[in-house]
Protein backbone atom coordinates (compact mmCIF):
# COMPACT_ATOMS: atom_id res chain seq x y z
CA MET A 1 -16.06 -19.62 -16.57
CA LYS A 2 -15.21 -16.93 -14.56
CA PRO A 3 -11.58 -16.29 -13.10
CA LEU A 4 -10.70 -17.58 -9.52
CA VAL A 5 -9.82 -14.26 -7.41
CA SER A 6 -7.63 -14.92 -4.29
CA VAL A 7 -7.97 -12.47 -1.36
CA ILE A 8 -4.88 -12.51 0.93
CA CYS A 9 -6.01 -11.27 4.05
CA LEU A 10 -3.33 -9.81 6.46
CA CYS A 11 -4.09 -9.46 10.22
CA TYR A 12 -1.80 -8.22 12.86
CA ASN A 13 -3.06 -6.58 15.77
CA HIS A 14 -6.81 -6.22 14.13
CA GLU A 15 -8.51 -7.85 17.19
CA HIS A 16 -11.44 -5.59 16.85
CA PHE A 17 -11.53 -4.92 13.08
CA VAL A 18 -11.12 -8.30 11.52
CA LYS A 19 -14.15 -10.00 11.96
CA GLU A 20 -16.16 -7.20 9.87
CA ALA A 21 -13.36 -7.49 7.46
CA LEU A 22 -13.31 -11.35 7.02
CA ASP A 23 -17.43 -10.75 6.75
CA SER A 24 -16.73 -8.35 3.97
CA VAL A 25 -15.39 -10.94 1.83
CA VAL A 26 -17.58 -13.56 2.12
CA ALA A 27 -20.20 -10.88 1.28
CA GLN A 28 -18.79 -10.49 -1.99
CA SER A 29 -21.16 -10.78 -5.16
CA TYR A 30 -18.51 -12.38 -6.91
CA ARG A 31 -17.48 -16.26 -6.88
CA PRO A 32 -15.34 -18.11 -7.01
CA LEU A 33 -13.02 -16.51 -4.10
CA GLN A 34 -9.99 -18.11 -2.39
CA MET A 35 -9.39 -16.76 1.08
CA ILE A 36 -6.29 -16.87 2.47
CA ILE A 37 -5.88 -15.57 6.14
CA VAL A 38 -2.26 -14.77 8.08
CA GLU A 39 -2.20 -13.99 11.48
CA ASP A 40 1.19 -12.49 11.81
CA ALA A 41 1.58 -13.02 15.46
CA SER A 42 -0.65 -10.57 16.94
CA GLN A 43 0.24 -8.99 20.53
CA ASP A 44 -3.69 -8.82 20.72
CA LYS A 45 -6.45 -11.56 20.42
CA SER A 46 -6.75 -11.54 16.91
CA ALA A 47 -5.63 -15.23 16.49
CA GLN A 48 -8.62 -16.07 18.73
CA VAL A 49 -11.14 -14.23 17.19
CA ILE A 50 -10.21 -15.56 13.54
CA GLN A 51 -10.18 -18.97 14.72
CA ALA A 52 -14.10 -18.32 16.08
CA TRP A 53 -14.88 -16.57 13.06
CA LEU A 54 -13.56 -19.77 10.91
CA GLU A 55 -15.33 -22.12 12.98
CA GLN A 56 -18.90 -20.33 12.78
CA TYR A 57 -18.16 -20.08 8.92
CA GLN A 58 -17.15 -23.48 8.40
CA GLN A 59 -20.51 -24.86 10.46
CA ASN A 60 -22.68 -22.39 8.62
CA THR A 61 -21.82 -22.80 4.91
CA SER A 62 -21.56 -25.54 2.63
CA GLU A 63 -20.53 -23.56 -0.40
CA THR A 64 -17.62 -24.66 -2.55
CA SER A 65 -17.19 -21.89 -4.39
CA LEU A 66 -15.15 -20.14 -1.44
CA THR A 67 -12.49 -21.79 0.04
CA VAL A 68 -10.58 -20.28 3.06
CA THR A 69 -7.07 -21.17 4.66
CA PHE A 70 -5.43 -20.29 7.87
CA ILE A 71 -2.07 -19.43 8.48
CA LYS A 72 -1.38 -18.78 11.86
CA HIS A 73 2.49 -17.34 13.01
CA THR A 74 3.98 -17.84 16.14
CA THR A 75 6.63 -14.96 15.25
CA ASN A 76 6.22 -11.92 13.78
CA GLN A 77 6.89 -12.09 9.96
CA GLY A 78 6.05 -8.70 8.66
CA ILE A 79 3.81 -7.58 5.69
CA CYS A 80 6.34 -8.67 2.83
CA GLN A 81 6.83 -12.19 4.08
CA SER A 82 3.46 -13.07 5.22
CA PHE A 83 2.28 -11.67 2.06
CA ASN A 84 4.49 -13.86 -0.19
CA GLU A 85 4.04 -16.85 2.01
CA ALA A 86 0.23 -16.63 1.17
CA LEU A 87 1.06 -15.80 -2.47
CA GLN A 88 2.48 -19.27 -2.82
CA LYS A 89 -0.69 -20.85 -1.94
CA ALA A 90 -2.57 -18.58 -4.23
CA SER A 91 -4.34 -19.90 -7.09
CA GLY A 92 -6.26 -17.26 -8.44
CA LYS A 93 -5.81 -15.01 -11.79
CA TYR A 94 -6.01 -11.94 -9.78
CA ILE A 95 -4.95 -11.31 -6.14
CA ILE A 96 -5.99 -8.71 -3.55
CA ASP A 97 -3.82 -7.91 -0.89
CA PHE A 98 -6.15 -7.12 2.11
CA ALA A 99 -5.36 -5.77 5.63
CA THR A 100 -7.93 -6.78 7.86
CA ASP A 101 -8.87 -3.36 9.45
CA ASP A 102 -10.26 -2.46 6.19
CA ILE A 103 -13.78 -3.49 4.45
CA LEU A 104 -14.52 -4.62 0.74
CA LEU A 105 -17.62 -3.30 -0.41
CA PRO A 106 -19.83 -5.89 -1.87
CA THR A 107 -19.80 -5.61 -5.33
CA ARG A 108 -15.81 -4.48 -5.41
CA ILE A 109 -14.65 -7.67 -7.05
CA THR A 110 -17.64 -7.93 -9.18
CA GLN A 111 -16.85 -4.56 -10.94
CA GLN A 112 -13.14 -5.20 -11.04
CA VAL A 113 -13.20 -8.44 -12.32
CA ALA A 114 -15.33 -7.32 -14.90
CA THR A 115 -13.01 -4.51 -15.77
CA PHE A 116 -9.71 -6.36 -15.72
CA GLU A 117 -11.10 -9.12 -18.20
CA ALA A 118 -12.17 -6.44 -20.74
CA LEU A 119 -8.43 -4.91 -20.21
CA PRO A 120 -5.52 -5.81 -22.51
CA ALA A 121 -2.73 -8.16 -20.80
CA THR A 122 -0.66 -4.93 -20.70
CA TYR A 123 -2.54 -3.63 -17.96
CA GLY A 124 -1.30 -5.36 -14.67
CA VAL A 125 -2.63 -3.39 -11.63
CA LEU A 126 -6.55 -2.16 -11.20
CA PHE A 127 -6.89 0.50 -8.60
CA SER A 128 -10.00 2.42 -7.44
CA ASN A 129 -11.33 5.32 -5.04
CA ALA A 130 -12.00 4.21 -1.59
CA ARG A 131 -13.74 5.94 1.49
CA TYR A 132 -11.90 6.45 5.12
CA ILE A 133 -13.41 5.54 7.71
CA ASN A 134 -12.26 6.00 11.44
CA GLU A 135 -11.68 2.93 14.21
CA GLN A 136 -15.43 3.61 15.18
CA GLY A 137 -16.22 3.07 11.39
CA HIS A 138 -17.70 6.68 10.96
CA ALA A 139 -17.21 7.87 7.36
CA LEU A 140 -14.39 10.88 6.79
CA HIS A 141 -13.64 11.47 3.45
CA THR A 142 -12.75 9.82 -0.06
CA HIS A 143 -9.19 9.31 -1.30
CA TYR A 144 -10.11 11.09 -4.55
CA LYS A 145 -12.57 14.08 -4.16
CA VAL A 146 -15.97 13.23 -5.84
CA ASN A 147 -19.00 15.10 -7.14
CA ASP A 148 -22.72 14.37 -6.25
CA GLN A 149 -22.43 11.04 -8.35
CA GLN A 150 -19.33 10.06 -6.65
CA GLN A 151 -17.14 10.38 -9.49
CA ALA A 152 -13.70 11.70 -9.08
CA ILE A 153 -13.55 15.33 -9.84
CA GLU A 154 -9.40 15.00 -10.15
CA THR A 155 -7.78 13.79 -13.03
CA VAL A 156 -5.86 9.98 -11.87
CA PRO A 157 -2.85 8.93 -13.70
CA GLN A 158 -3.45 5.68 -15.51
CA GLY A 159 -1.76 3.85 -18.48
CA GLU A 160 1.88 4.42 -18.02
CA VAL A 161 2.15 5.58 -14.61
CA TYR A 162 5.83 4.69 -13.66
CA THR A 163 6.87 8.55 -13.66
CA ALA A 164 3.84 9.30 -11.48
CA VAL A 165 4.47 6.91 -8.80
CA LEU A 166 8.06 8.45 -8.53
CA THR A 167 6.58 12.02 -8.53
CA ARG A 168 3.74 11.63 -5.74
CA TYR A 169 1.57 9.28 -3.70
CA PHE A 170 -1.79 8.82 -5.57
CA ILE A 171 -3.00 5.09 -5.43
CA CYS A 172 -4.99 3.90 -2.53
CA THR A 173 -3.23 0.78 -1.80
CA PRO A 174 -6.00 -1.45 -0.40
CA THR A 175 -8.24 -0.52 -3.62
CA MET A 176 -5.59 -2.60 -6.02
CA MET A 177 -6.36 -6.01 -7.93
CA ILE A 178 -3.09 -7.21 -9.53
CA ARG A 179 -2.81 -9.98 -11.85
CA LYS A 180 -1.08 -12.94 -10.13
CA GLN A 181 1.45 -13.14 -13.40
CA VAL A 182 2.83 -9.73 -12.19
CA LEU A 183 3.43 -10.74 -8.88
CA GLU A 184 5.28 -13.86 -10.10
CA LYS A 185 7.44 -11.84 -12.67
CA LEU A 186 8.43 -9.59 -9.63
CA GLN A 187 8.88 -12.73 -7.41
CA GLY A 188 6.40 -11.28 -4.99
CA TYR A 189 7.21 -8.37 -2.19
CA ASP A 190 11.10 -7.29 -1.27
CA GLU A 191 10.99 -8.94 1.82
CA THR A 192 14.24 -7.00 3.02
CA LEU A 193 11.51 -4.02 3.31
CA HIS A 194 9.37 -3.08 5.91
CA TYR A 195 6.32 -1.83 3.64
CA GLU A 196 5.39 -2.74 0.37
CA ASP A 197 3.62 -0.58 -1.81
CA PHE A 198 6.42 1.84 -3.02
CA ASP A 199 8.70 -0.56 -4.23
CA PHE A 200 5.66 -2.59 -5.73
CA TRP A 201 4.65 0.29 -7.87
CA VAL A 202 7.68 1.21 -8.89
CA ARG A 203 9.07 -2.60 -9.97
CA SER A 204 5.56 -2.95 -11.61
CA ALA A 205 4.79 0.40 -13.28
CA ARG A 206 8.12 -0.25 -15.08
CA HIS A 207 6.79 -3.08 -16.95
CA TYR A 208 3.15 -2.99 -16.77
CA GLN A 209 -0.19 -0.35 -16.91
CA TYR A 210 -2.24 0.60 -14.46
CA TYR A 211 -5.90 1.01 -14.64
CA TYR A 212 -8.30 3.45 -12.60
CA LEU A 213 -11.89 2.32 -11.86
CA ASP A 214 -14.02 5.13 -10.96
CA GLU A 215 -16.00 3.42 -8.33
CA ILE A 216 -15.59 3.56 -4.49
CA THR A 217 -14.66 -0.01 -3.55
CA THR A 218 -13.18 -0.14 -0.55
CA LEU A 219 -13.73 1.29 3.21
CA ARG A 220 -10.08 2.40 4.34
CA ARG A 221 -9.99 2.35 8.00
CA LEU A 222 -7.44 4.73 9.53
CA VAL A 223 -5.90 3.48 13.10
CA LYS A 224 -3.76 5.40 15.08
CA HIS A 225 -1.11 2.87 15.44
CA SER A 226 -1.15 1.86 11.63
CA LEU A 227 2.27 0.98 9.69
CA SER A 228 1.89 4.57 7.76
CA THR A 229 2.28 6.59 11.09
CA GLN A 230 5.50 5.28 11.73
CA PHE A 231 6.72 7.58 8.87
CA TYR A 232 6.45 10.01 11.52
CA GLN A 233 8.61 8.31 13.94
CA LYS A 234 11.37 10.42 15.32
CA LYS A 235 15.22 9.45 14.83
CA HIS A 236 15.13 5.92 13.70
CA ASN A 237 12.89 5.59 11.08
CA GLN A 238 12.95 2.52 8.99
CA LEU A 239 10.27 3.50 6.46
CA LEU A 240 12.23 6.30 5.60
CA GLU A 241 15.21 4.36 5.21
CA ASP A 242 13.51 1.89 3.27
CA THR A 243 11.97 4.38 0.61
CA LEU A 244 15.71 5.44 -0.10
CA LYS A 245 16.34 1.95 -0.90
CA VAL A 246 13.12 1.71 -3.55
CA CYS A 247 14.70 5.10 -4.85
CA LYS A 248 17.99 3.50 -5.65
CA LYS A 249 16.18 0.74 -7.58
CA ALA A 250 14.25 3.36 -9.37
CA TYR A 251 17.35 5.37 -10.29
CA GLN A 252 18.62 1.80 -12.12
CA LEU A 253 15.41 1.30 -13.79
CA ASN A 254 14.85 5.36 -15.31
CA GLN A 255 15.12 5.35 -18.98
CA GLN A 256 14.38 9.22 -19.44
CA PRO A 257 15.07 12.50 -17.87
CA ALA A 258 11.86 12.94 -16.59
CA GLU A 259 11.78 9.81 -14.84
CA ASP A 260 15.10 11.07 -13.38
CA ARG A 261 13.50 14.47 -12.65
CA ALA A 262 10.57 12.86 -11.05
CA LEU A 263 12.82 10.60 -8.44
CA ALA A 264 15.20 13.66 -7.70
CA LYS A 265 11.58 15.73 -6.50
CA ASN A 266 10.90 12.13 -4.51
CA LEU A 267 14.42 12.29 -2.95
CA GLN A 268 14.15 15.76 -1.88
CA TYR A 269 10.78 15.29 -0.11
CA HIS A 270 11.68 12.36 1.79
CA LEU A 271 14.91 14.57 2.41
CA ARG A 272 12.91 17.00 4.17
CA GLN A 273 10.89 14.28 6.14
CA SER A 274 13.93 12.81 7.46
CA PHE A 275 15.20 16.39 8.59
CA TYR A 276 11.74 16.72 10.46
CA MET A 277 12.05 13.34 11.85
CA GLN A 278 15.44 14.53 13.10
CA CYS A 279 17.03 11.24 11.09
CA PHE A 280 19.84 13.69 10.63
CA PRO A 281 22.34 10.88 9.32
CA LEU A 282 19.54 9.67 6.68
CA VAL A 283 19.54 13.24 5.45
CA GLN A 284 23.02 13.00 4.77
CA ALA A 285 22.30 9.54 2.90
CA TYR A 286 19.39 10.97 0.69
CA TYR A 287 21.52 14.06 -0.23
CA THR A 288 24.59 11.97 -0.95
CA PHE A 289 22.52 9.80 -3.51
CA LEU A 290 21.27 13.25 -4.98
CA GLN A 291 24.75 13.70 -6.09
CA GLN A 292 24.69 10.94 -8.90
CA GLU A 293 25.19 12.02 -11.86
CA ARG A 294 22.09 12.27 -13.64
CA LEU A 295 20.27 13.76 -10.36
CA LYS A 296 22.71 16.65 -9.36
CA ASN A 297 21.31 19.34 -11.36
CA TYR A 298 17.78 18.80 -10.17
CA ILE A 299 18.95 19.52 -6.29
CA THR A 300 17.34 22.93 -5.28
CA ARG A 301 18.48 25.58 -3.09
CA THR A 302 16.13 24.92 -0.40
CA THR A 303 17.23 20.94 -0.41
CA ARG A 304 20.97 22.50 0.06
CA LEU A 305 19.93 24.59 3.10
CA ILE A 306 18.02 21.25 4.84
CA GLN A 307 21.18 19.43 4.20
CA PHE A 308 23.50 21.89 5.82
CA LEU A 309 21.04 22.47 8.84
CA GLY A 310 20.69 18.72 9.40
CA LYS A 311 24.67 18.61 9.78
CA LEU A 312 24.04 21.00 12.66
CA SER A 313 21.20 18.60 14.08
CA ILE A 314 18.68 21.26 14.94
CA PRO A 315 15.68 19.66 16.59
CA THR A 316 12.56 20.13 14.45
CA TYR A 317 10.40 17.29 15.38
CA ARG A 318 8.09 19.10 17.87
CA LEU A 319 7.73 22.14 15.66
CA TYR A 320 6.68 19.78 12.56
CA GLN A 321 3.98 18.05 14.92
CA PHE A 322 2.59 21.43 16.08
CA TYR A 323 2.40 22.11 12.28
CA ARG A 324 0.83 19.02 11.30
CA LYS A 325 -1.68 19.09 13.88
CA ILE A 326 -2.76 22.55 12.90
CA ARG A 327 -3.15 21.64 9.27
CA GLY A 328 -4.99 18.34 10.78
CA THR A 329 -2.92 15.95 8.79
């Protein structure tokens, strides 16, 4: 008997995309599925679109191998709390955290479950490649560059990835499938944070292995006002503040000098980002944490200079945004 998969569909201001996203779950070649839709008090007409979609779906189907639960918030709870609420209702062996501005390709769950079922229990997370699309649905590029056979041409970290996730961003979050027992062990997402993935990677990778499935399974939509764009928010930047909190957790989890070196590199990168965003108190907070005994020897001259310039509150935001525009990032 095939295992149940729970797809937690999180919606906030996805009025123009949510129907296509939900349709992509129903169109999966895999069954059985459990859909849990959370509408997090959007400011647009997302709730009405979901309600209309749900009514039409219920009228046109009699299948019992796919169930749908709809949770509608009256006040915005945020990603982490919304996900945890849905997780309490999830019965699947495997969980997908699905933002409803993205699209699942039809065989994604079939491919991922088949791969996961063949892996030992030490593997807690499976991820894959994705194709980015714009708001109009036009294809842009893939997360990992691919050859003519659509296979990644770069080496993607897998197995023990704890040090790798401290070093750089490489996992395409929307492609992940997670064993439910991993989320139960971690007690879900940390609800004190405004974003979930870095914290989840750190805490889960300390205890479980990751597997990379070299398939394009998901269309990830780039939306102008998405959560990720808030990393470039000027002066008060909650995401950069949360990243420092996660780095402090990682310091407690680290076991080897290579992990401390990777963490120090991460901290210095986000210290620079804080400087560019003119979050000058946060520059000093990152630098203060880098003074920890196991980290201070990895501080570079560039970091010391930026920390000094941060004390002078030199305006850098417009120049950095111009630089990003030139680079097309």
